[in-house]
Amino acid sequence: MSVKSERRALPVSPVNIVLSLSLVAAGVAQAIAGNLVLAVALVFVAVFAVVAARYARRPESLDIARVNAIEYRDERDRAIARSGFSVVGVAALLLTVVEILAVSFVAPEYGWLPAVQIFVLSVVWGVGNKMAADRG
C-alpha cells in the first residue's frame, strides 16, 4: 500500500487527528479545572473539526473546503493553503504586538508571555522563509 493510500485510510489527516485530540485533551483539562463552559466549547470545536475534515475528504468537496479543513488533495490545495497561511502569519505577528501593548497596561507581570509568543512566531517565520528560499 502506498503512503498516499495509507494516509487516505485514516479518517482524517494526521494534522487533524493531532489538532482534534489536543482540543479534546484541553477540554478534559478544563472540565477537571471546573470550567465546564470552556470544556464543552473545546470539545465542540474538536467534533466540528473532525466533521469538517470528513466532509472535505468527499470526492465532490470543493477546494476551499479541503483547504479550510487542512485536508489537501493535491499540490494546488497546498499552494492555496501556503498563501492563506502566509496571511495568517502576518496577522498573528500584528496581533501579538497589540497583545504586548494590552498586557503591558492590564497585567504587566505577564508581559513575558506575548514576548515569548512573538519570539517563537519570529523564529518559525525565519525558519519557514529559509526553507522556502532553499527550495527556490
N, C-alpha and C. Protein backbone atom coordinates (compact mmCIF):
# COMPACT_ATOMS: atom_id res chain seq x y z
N MET A 1 0.85 -1.18 0.00
CA MET A 1 0.00 0.00 0.00
C MET A 1 0.90 1.24 0.00
N SER A 2 0.60 2.20 -0.84
CA SER A 2 1.42 3.40 -0.93
C SER A 2 1.16 4.32 0.25
N VAL A 3 2.07 5.28 0.43
CA VAL A 3 1.92 6.25 1.51
C VAL A 3 0.63 7.04 1.33
N LYS A 4 0.35 7.41 0.08
CA LYS A 4 -0.86 8.20 -0.18
C LYS A 4 -2.12 7.41 0.18
N SER A 5 -2.17 6.13 -0.18
CA SER A 5 -3.36 5.34 0.14
C SER A 5 -3.42 5.03 1.63
N GLU A 6 -2.26 4.89 2.30
CA GLU A 6 -2.26 4.70 3.75
C GLU A 6 -2.83 5.92 4.43
N ARG A 7 -2.42 7.12 3.97
CA ARG A 7 -2.94 8.35 4.56
C ARG A 7 -4.44 8.46 4.36
N ARG A 8 -4.92 8.07 3.21
CA ARG A 8 -6.35 8.14 2.92
C ARG A 8 -7.12 7.12 3.75
N ALA A 9 -6.42 6.08 4.25
CA ALA A 9 -7.09 5.08 5.08
C ALA A 9 -7.47 5.68 6.43
N LEU A 10 -6.77 6.72 6.85
CA LEU A 10 -7.13 7.39 8.10
C LEU A 10 -8.43 8.15 7.88
N PRO A 11 -9.23 8.32 8.94
CA PRO A 11 -10.49 9.04 8.77
C PRO A 11 -10.29 10.52 8.44
N VAL A 12 -9.22 11.11 8.95
CA VAL A 12 -8.85 12.50 8.65
C VAL A 12 -7.32 12.57 8.62
N SER A 13 -6.78 13.70 8.18
CA SER A 13 -5.32 13.84 8.08
C SER A 13 -4.66 13.75 9.45
N PRO A 14 -3.39 13.37 9.50
CA PRO A 14 -2.67 13.33 10.77
C PRO A 14 -2.71 14.68 11.52
N VAL A 15 -2.64 15.77 10.78
CA VAL A 15 -2.71 17.09 11.41
C VAL A 15 -4.05 17.27 12.13
N ASN A 16 -5.13 16.85 11.48
CA ASN A 16 -6.45 16.97 12.10
C ASN A 16 -6.61 16.02 13.29
N ILE A 17 -5.99 14.87 13.24
CA ILE A 17 -6.03 13.95 14.38
C ILE A 17 -5.35 14.60 15.58
N VAL A 18 -4.15 15.14 15.38
CA VAL A 18 -3.42 15.79 16.47
C VAL A 18 -4.20 17.01 16.98
N LEU A 19 -4.70 17.82 16.07
CA LEU A 19 -5.47 19.01 16.46
C LEU A 19 -6.70 18.63 17.28
N SER A 20 -7.46 17.66 16.80
CA SER A 20 -8.69 17.26 17.49
C SER A 20 -8.39 16.64 18.85
N LEU A 21 -7.39 15.77 18.91
CA LEU A 21 -7.04 15.17 20.19
C LEU A 21 -6.53 16.22 21.18
N SER A 22 -5.80 17.21 20.68
CA SER A 22 -5.33 18.29 21.55
C SER A 22 -6.50 19.10 22.10
N LEU A 23 -7.48 19.38 21.26
CA LEU A 23 -8.66 20.11 21.71
C LEU A 23 -9.45 19.31 22.74
N VAL A 24 -9.60 18.01 22.52
CA VAL A 24 -10.31 17.17 23.49
C VAL A 24 -9.53 17.12 24.80
N ALA A 25 -8.20 16.96 24.73
CA ALA A 25 -7.39 16.95 25.96
C ALA A 25 -7.52 18.27 26.72
N ALA A 26 -7.51 19.37 25.99
CA ALA A 26 -7.69 20.68 26.63
C ALA A 26 -9.08 20.78 27.25
N GLY A 27 -10.08 20.22 26.56
CA GLY A 27 -11.43 20.21 27.11
C GLY A 27 -11.53 19.40 28.39
N VAL A 28 -10.88 18.25 28.41
CA VAL A 28 -10.86 17.42 29.62
C VAL A 28 -10.16 18.17 30.76
N ALA A 29 -9.04 18.79 30.44
CA ALA A 29 -8.31 19.56 31.46
C ALA A 29 -9.18 20.68 32.02
N GLN A 30 -9.91 21.36 31.15
CA GLN A 30 -10.78 22.44 31.61
C GLN A 30 -11.94 21.89 32.45
N ALA A 31 -12.45 20.74 32.09
CA ALA A 31 -13.51 20.12 32.89
C ALA A 31 -13.00 19.77 34.28
N ILE A 32 -11.80 19.23 34.34
CA ILE A 32 -11.19 18.90 35.64
C ILE A 32 -10.98 20.16 36.46
N ALA A 33 -10.60 21.24 35.79
CA ALA A 33 -10.38 22.52 36.48
C ALA A 33 -11.69 23.20 36.86
N GLY A 34 -12.81 22.65 36.42
CA GLY A 34 -14.11 23.19 36.79
C GLY A 34 -14.69 24.21 35.83
N ASN A 35 -14.04 24.42 34.68
CA ASN A 35 -14.52 25.37 33.69
C ASN A 35 -15.31 24.61 32.63
N LEU A 36 -16.55 24.25 32.95
CA LEU A 36 -17.34 23.39 32.08
C LEU A 36 -17.73 24.06 30.77
N VAL A 37 -17.98 25.36 30.79
CA VAL A 37 -18.36 26.04 29.55
C VAL A 37 -17.22 25.96 28.53
N LEU A 38 -16.01 26.26 28.96
CA LEU A 38 -14.86 26.17 28.05
C LEU A 38 -14.61 24.73 27.64
N ALA A 39 -14.79 23.79 28.57
CA ALA A 39 -14.60 22.37 28.25
C ALA A 39 -15.53 21.94 27.13
N VAL A 40 -16.80 22.29 27.25
CA VAL A 40 -17.78 21.92 26.21
C VAL A 40 -17.43 22.61 24.90
N ALA A 41 -17.04 23.88 24.96
CA ALA A 41 -16.69 24.62 23.73
C ALA A 41 -15.50 23.96 23.02
N LEU A 42 -14.49 23.57 23.77
CA LEU A 42 -13.32 22.94 23.16
C LEU A 42 -13.66 21.59 22.52
N VAL A 43 -14.45 20.80 23.20
CA VAL A 43 -14.85 19.50 22.63
C VAL A 43 -15.74 19.72 21.40
N PHE A 44 -16.62 20.72 21.46
CA PHE A 44 -17.46 21.04 20.30
C PHE A 44 -16.59 21.41 19.10
N VAL A 45 -15.58 22.23 19.31
CA VAL A 45 -14.68 22.62 18.21
C VAL A 45 -13.96 21.39 17.66
N ALA A 46 -13.55 20.48 18.54
CA ALA A 46 -12.88 19.25 18.08
C ALA A 46 -13.81 18.42 17.21
N VAL A 47 -15.05 18.27 17.64
CA VAL A 47 -16.03 17.50 16.86
C VAL A 47 -16.29 18.20 15.52
N PHE A 48 -16.46 19.51 15.55
CA PHE A 48 -16.69 20.27 14.33
C PHE A 48 -15.52 20.09 13.36
N ALA A 49 -14.29 20.13 13.88
CA ALA A 49 -13.10 19.98 13.03
C ALA A 49 -13.08 18.62 12.35
N VAL A 50 -13.42 17.58 13.09
CA VAL A 50 -13.43 16.24 12.51
C VAL A 50 -14.54 16.12 11.46
N VAL A 51 -15.71 16.66 11.76
CA VAL A 51 -16.82 16.61 10.79
C VAL A 51 -16.44 17.37 9.51
N ALA A 52 -15.83 18.55 9.67
CA ALA A 52 -15.42 19.34 8.51
C ALA A 52 -14.35 18.59 7.70
N ALA A 53 -13.42 17.95 8.39
CA ALA A 53 -12.37 17.20 7.70
C ALA A 53 -12.94 16.00 6.96
N ARG A 54 -13.87 15.32 7.58
CA ARG A 54 -14.52 14.17 6.91
C ARG A 54 -15.28 14.65 5.67
N TYR A 55 -15.99 15.76 5.79
CA TYR A 55 -16.71 16.32 4.64
C TYR A 55 -15.72 16.68 3.53
N ALA A 56 -14.59 17.27 3.91
CA ALA A 56 -13.61 17.71 2.92
C ALA A 56 -12.98 16.54 2.16
N ARG A 57 -13.00 15.38 2.74
CA ARG A 57 -12.43 14.19 2.07
C ARG A 57 -13.36 13.59 1.02
N ARG A 58 -14.59 14.04 0.98
CA ARG A 58 -15.53 13.50 -0.01
C ARG A 58 -15.06 13.89 -1.41
N PRO A 59 -15.27 13.02 -2.38
CA PRO A 59 -14.79 13.30 -3.74
C PRO A 59 -15.34 14.60 -4.34
N GLU A 60 -16.56 14.96 -3.98
CA GLU A 60 -17.18 16.15 -4.57
C GLU A 60 -16.90 17.44 -3.78
N SER A 61 -16.07 17.36 -2.74
CA SER A 61 -15.82 18.56 -1.93
C SER A 61 -15.07 19.62 -2.74
N LEU A 62 -15.35 20.86 -2.42
CA LEU A 62 -14.70 21.98 -3.09
C LEU A 62 -13.29 22.18 -2.55
N ASP A 63 -12.43 22.80 -3.37
CA ASP A 63 -11.06 23.02 -2.93
C ASP A 63 -11.02 23.88 -1.66
N ILE A 64 -11.89 24.86 -1.54
CA ILE A 64 -11.89 25.71 -0.35
C ILE A 64 -12.25 24.91 0.90
N ALA A 65 -13.14 23.93 0.77
CA ALA A 65 -13.48 23.07 1.91
C ALA A 65 -12.28 22.23 2.32
N ARG A 66 -11.54 21.70 1.33
CA ARG A 66 -10.35 20.90 1.65
C ARG A 66 -9.28 21.75 2.31
N VAL A 67 -9.05 22.93 1.78
CA VAL A 67 -8.01 23.81 2.33
C VAL A 67 -8.39 24.25 3.73
N ASN A 68 -9.62 24.69 3.94
CA ASN A 68 -10.05 25.14 5.27
C ASN A 68 -10.01 24.02 6.29
N ALA A 69 -10.20 22.79 5.85
CA ALA A 69 -10.20 21.65 6.77
C ALA A 69 -8.82 21.00 6.90
N ILE A 70 -7.83 21.57 6.24
CA ILE A 70 -6.46 21.02 6.24
C ILE A 70 -6.46 19.58 5.74
N GLU A 71 -7.19 19.35 4.68
CA GLU A 71 -7.29 18.04 4.03
C GLU A 71 -6.90 18.19 2.56
N TYR A 72 -5.64 18.47 2.31
CA TYR A 72 -5.19 18.76 0.96
C TYR A 72 -5.20 17.50 0.10
N ARG A 73 -5.68 17.66 -1.12
CA ARG A 73 -5.75 16.54 -2.06
C ARG A 73 -4.58 16.57 -3.04
N ASP A 74 -4.10 17.77 -3.38
CA ASP A 74 -3.07 17.87 -4.40
C ASP A 74 -2.23 19.13 -4.16
N GLU A 75 -1.28 19.35 -5.07
CA GLU A 75 -0.36 20.49 -4.93
C GLU A 75 -1.10 21.83 -5.04
N ARG A 76 -2.16 21.88 -5.79
CA ARG A 76 -2.94 23.12 -5.89
C ARG A 76 -3.52 23.48 -4.53
N ASP A 77 -4.08 22.50 -3.82
CA ASP A 77 -4.60 22.74 -2.48
C ASP A 77 -3.49 23.23 -1.55
N ARG A 78 -2.31 22.62 -1.66
CA ARG A 78 -1.18 23.04 -0.81
C ARG A 78 -0.74 24.46 -1.12
N ALA A 79 -0.77 24.84 -2.39
CA ALA A 79 -0.39 26.20 -2.78
C ALA A 79 -1.39 27.22 -2.23
N ILE A 80 -2.67 26.89 -2.32
CA ILE A 80 -3.70 27.78 -1.77
C ILE A 80 -3.48 27.92 -0.26
N ALA A 81 -3.22 26.81 0.41
CA ALA A 81 -3.01 26.83 1.85
C ALA A 81 -1.78 27.67 2.23
N ARG A 82 -0.69 27.53 1.46
CA ARG A 82 0.51 28.33 1.74
C ARG A 82 0.20 29.82 1.67
N SER A 83 -0.55 30.22 0.67
CA SER A 83 -0.91 31.64 0.55
C SER A 83 -1.78 32.08 1.72
N GLY A 84 -2.74 31.26 2.07
CA GLY A 84 -3.62 31.59 3.19
C GLY A 84 -2.86 31.66 4.51
N PHE A 85 -1.99 30.69 4.75
CA PHE A 85 -1.24 30.68 6.00
C PHE A 85 -0.24 31.83 6.07
N SER A 86 0.23 32.32 4.93
CA SER A 86 1.14 33.47 4.97
C SER A 86 0.40 34.70 5.49
N VAL A 87 -0.86 34.84 5.12
CA VAL A 87 -1.67 35.95 5.62
C VAL A 87 -1.93 35.76 7.12
N VAL A 88 -2.20 34.53 7.53
CA VAL A 88 -2.42 34.24 8.95
C VAL A 88 -1.17 34.58 9.76
N GLY A 89 0.00 34.28 9.22
CA GLY A 89 1.24 34.58 9.92
C GLY A 89 1.43 36.07 10.15
N VAL A 90 1.17 36.86 9.13
CA VAL A 90 1.27 38.32 9.27
C VAL A 90 0.27 38.81 10.33
N ALA A 91 -0.95 38.31 10.26
CA ALA A 91 -1.97 38.70 11.24
C ALA A 91 -1.55 38.29 12.65
N ALA A 92 -0.97 37.10 12.79
CA ALA A 92 -0.52 36.63 14.11
C ALA A 92 0.56 37.55 14.68
N LEU A 93 1.51 37.96 13.84
CA LEU A 93 2.56 38.87 14.32
C LEU A 93 1.98 40.22 14.73
N LEU A 94 1.10 40.77 13.91
CA LEU A 94 0.48 42.06 14.25
C LEU A 94 -0.38 41.96 15.50
N LEU A 95 -1.15 40.91 15.61
CA LEU A 95 -2.00 40.72 16.79
C LEU A 95 -1.15 40.54 18.05
N THR A 96 -0.01 39.89 17.93
CA THR A 96 0.87 39.72 19.08
C THR A 96 1.43 41.05 19.55
N VAL A 97 1.73 41.95 18.63
CA VAL A 97 2.19 43.30 19.03
C VAL A 97 1.08 44.01 19.80
N VAL A 98 -0.15 43.92 19.32
CA VAL A 98 -1.29 44.52 20.04
C VAL A 98 -1.44 43.85 21.41
N GLU A 99 -1.25 42.54 21.45
CA GLU A 99 -1.34 41.80 22.71
C GLU A 99 -0.28 42.28 23.70
N ILE A 100 0.94 42.51 23.22
CA ILE A 100 2.01 43.01 24.09
C ILE A 100 1.61 44.35 24.69
N LEU A 101 1.07 45.23 23.87
CA LEU A 101 0.63 46.54 24.38
C LEU A 101 -0.49 46.40 25.40
N ALA A 102 -1.48 45.58 25.10
CA ALA A 102 -2.61 45.40 26.01
C ALA A 102 -2.16 44.81 27.34
N VAL A 103 -1.34 43.79 27.28
CA VAL A 103 -0.87 43.15 28.50
C VAL A 103 -0.01 44.10 29.32
N SER A 104 0.77 44.94 28.66
CA SER A 104 1.63 45.87 29.39
C SER A 104 0.82 46.86 30.22
N PHE A 105 -0.42 47.16 29.81
CA PHE A 105 -1.28 48.06 30.57
C PHE A 105 -2.14 47.32 31.59
N VAL A 106 -2.64 46.15 31.22
CA VAL A 106 -3.59 45.44 32.07
C VAL A 106 -2.90 44.55 33.11
N ALA A 107 -1.89 43.81 32.69
CA ALA A 107 -1.22 42.86 33.59
C ALA A 107 0.26 42.79 33.24
N PRO A 108 1.01 43.85 33.57
CA PRO A 108 2.42 43.90 33.16
C PRO A 108 3.27 42.73 33.66
N GLU A 109 2.85 42.10 34.75
CA GLU A 109 3.62 40.95 35.26
C GLU A 109 3.59 39.76 34.31
N TYR A 110 2.64 39.76 33.38
CA TYR A 110 2.54 38.69 32.38
C TYR A 110 3.06 39.13 31.01
N GLY A 111 3.75 40.24 30.95
CA GLY A 111 4.27 40.75 29.69
C GLY A 111 5.22 39.80 28.98
N TRP A 112 5.82 38.90 29.72
CA TRP A 112 6.74 37.94 29.12
C TRP A 112 6.01 36.94 28.22
N LEU A 113 4.73 36.65 28.49
CA LEU A 113 4.00 35.67 27.68
C LEU A 113 3.89 36.08 26.22
N PRO A 114 3.37 37.27 25.92
CA PRO A 114 3.32 37.64 24.50
C PRO A 114 4.71 37.88 23.91
N ALA A 115 5.67 38.24 24.76
CA ALA A 115 7.04 38.41 24.26
C ALA A 115 7.60 37.06 23.79
N VAL A 116 7.34 36.01 24.55
CA VAL A 116 7.76 34.67 24.14
C VAL A 116 7.02 34.27 22.86
N GLN A 117 5.74 34.60 22.81
CA GLN A 117 4.94 34.27 21.63
C GLN A 117 5.50 34.93 20.38
N ILE A 118 5.83 36.20 20.45
CA ILE A 118 6.35 36.88 19.25
C ILE A 118 7.74 36.34 18.90
N PHE A 119 8.52 35.96 19.91
CA PHE A 119 9.82 35.37 19.64
C PHE A 119 9.66 34.05 18.88
N VAL A 120 8.77 33.19 19.37
CA VAL A 120 8.55 31.89 18.73
C VAL A 120 8.01 32.08 17.32
N LEU A 121 7.03 32.97 17.15
CA LEU A 121 6.49 33.23 15.82
C LEU A 121 7.59 33.73 14.87
N SER A 122 8.46 34.59 15.36
CA SER A 122 9.54 35.13 14.53
C SER A 122 10.53 34.04 14.13
N VAL A 123 10.86 33.14 15.06
CA VAL A 123 11.76 32.04 14.74
C VAL A 123 11.13 31.12 13.69
N VAL A 124 9.87 30.78 13.90
CA VAL A 124 9.17 29.92 12.93
C VAL A 124 9.12 30.60 11.57
N TRP A 125 8.84 31.89 11.57
CA TRP A 125 8.81 32.66 10.32
C TRP A 125 10.17 32.60 9.62
N GLY A 126 11.23 32.84 10.36
CA GLY A 126 12.57 32.81 9.79
C GLY A 126 12.93 31.44 9.23
N VAL A 127 12.63 30.39 9.97
CA VAL A 127 12.92 29.03 9.51
C VAL A 127 12.08 28.72 8.26
N GLY A 128 10.81 29.09 8.29
CA GLY A 128 9.95 28.87 7.13
C GLY A 128 10.44 29.60 5.90
N ASN A 129 10.86 30.84 6.08
CA ASN A 129 11.40 31.61 4.96
C ASN A 129 12.67 30.97 4.41
N LYS A 130 13.53 30.50 5.30
CA LYS A 130 14.79 29.86 4.89
C LYS A 130 14.48 28.59 4.08
N MET A 131 13.54 27.79 4.58
CA MET A 131 13.19 26.56 3.88
C MET A 131 12.59 26.87 2.50
N ALA A 132 11.74 27.88 2.43
CA ALA A 132 11.13 28.25 1.15
C ALA A 132 12.19 28.78 0.18
N ALA A 133 13.13 29.57 0.68
CA ALA A 133 14.18 30.12 -0.17
C ALA A 133 15.10 29.01 -0.68
N ASP A 134 15.40 28.03 0.17
CA ASP A 134 16.27 26.93 -0.25
C ASP A 134 15.62 26.07 -1.32
N ARG A 135 14.30 25.95 -1.28
CA ARG A 135 13.58 25.18 -2.28
C ARG A 135 13.54 25.90 -3.62
N GLY A 136 13.68 27.23 -3.55
CA GLY A 136 13.70 28.02 -4.77
C GLY A 136 12.39 28.33 -5.24
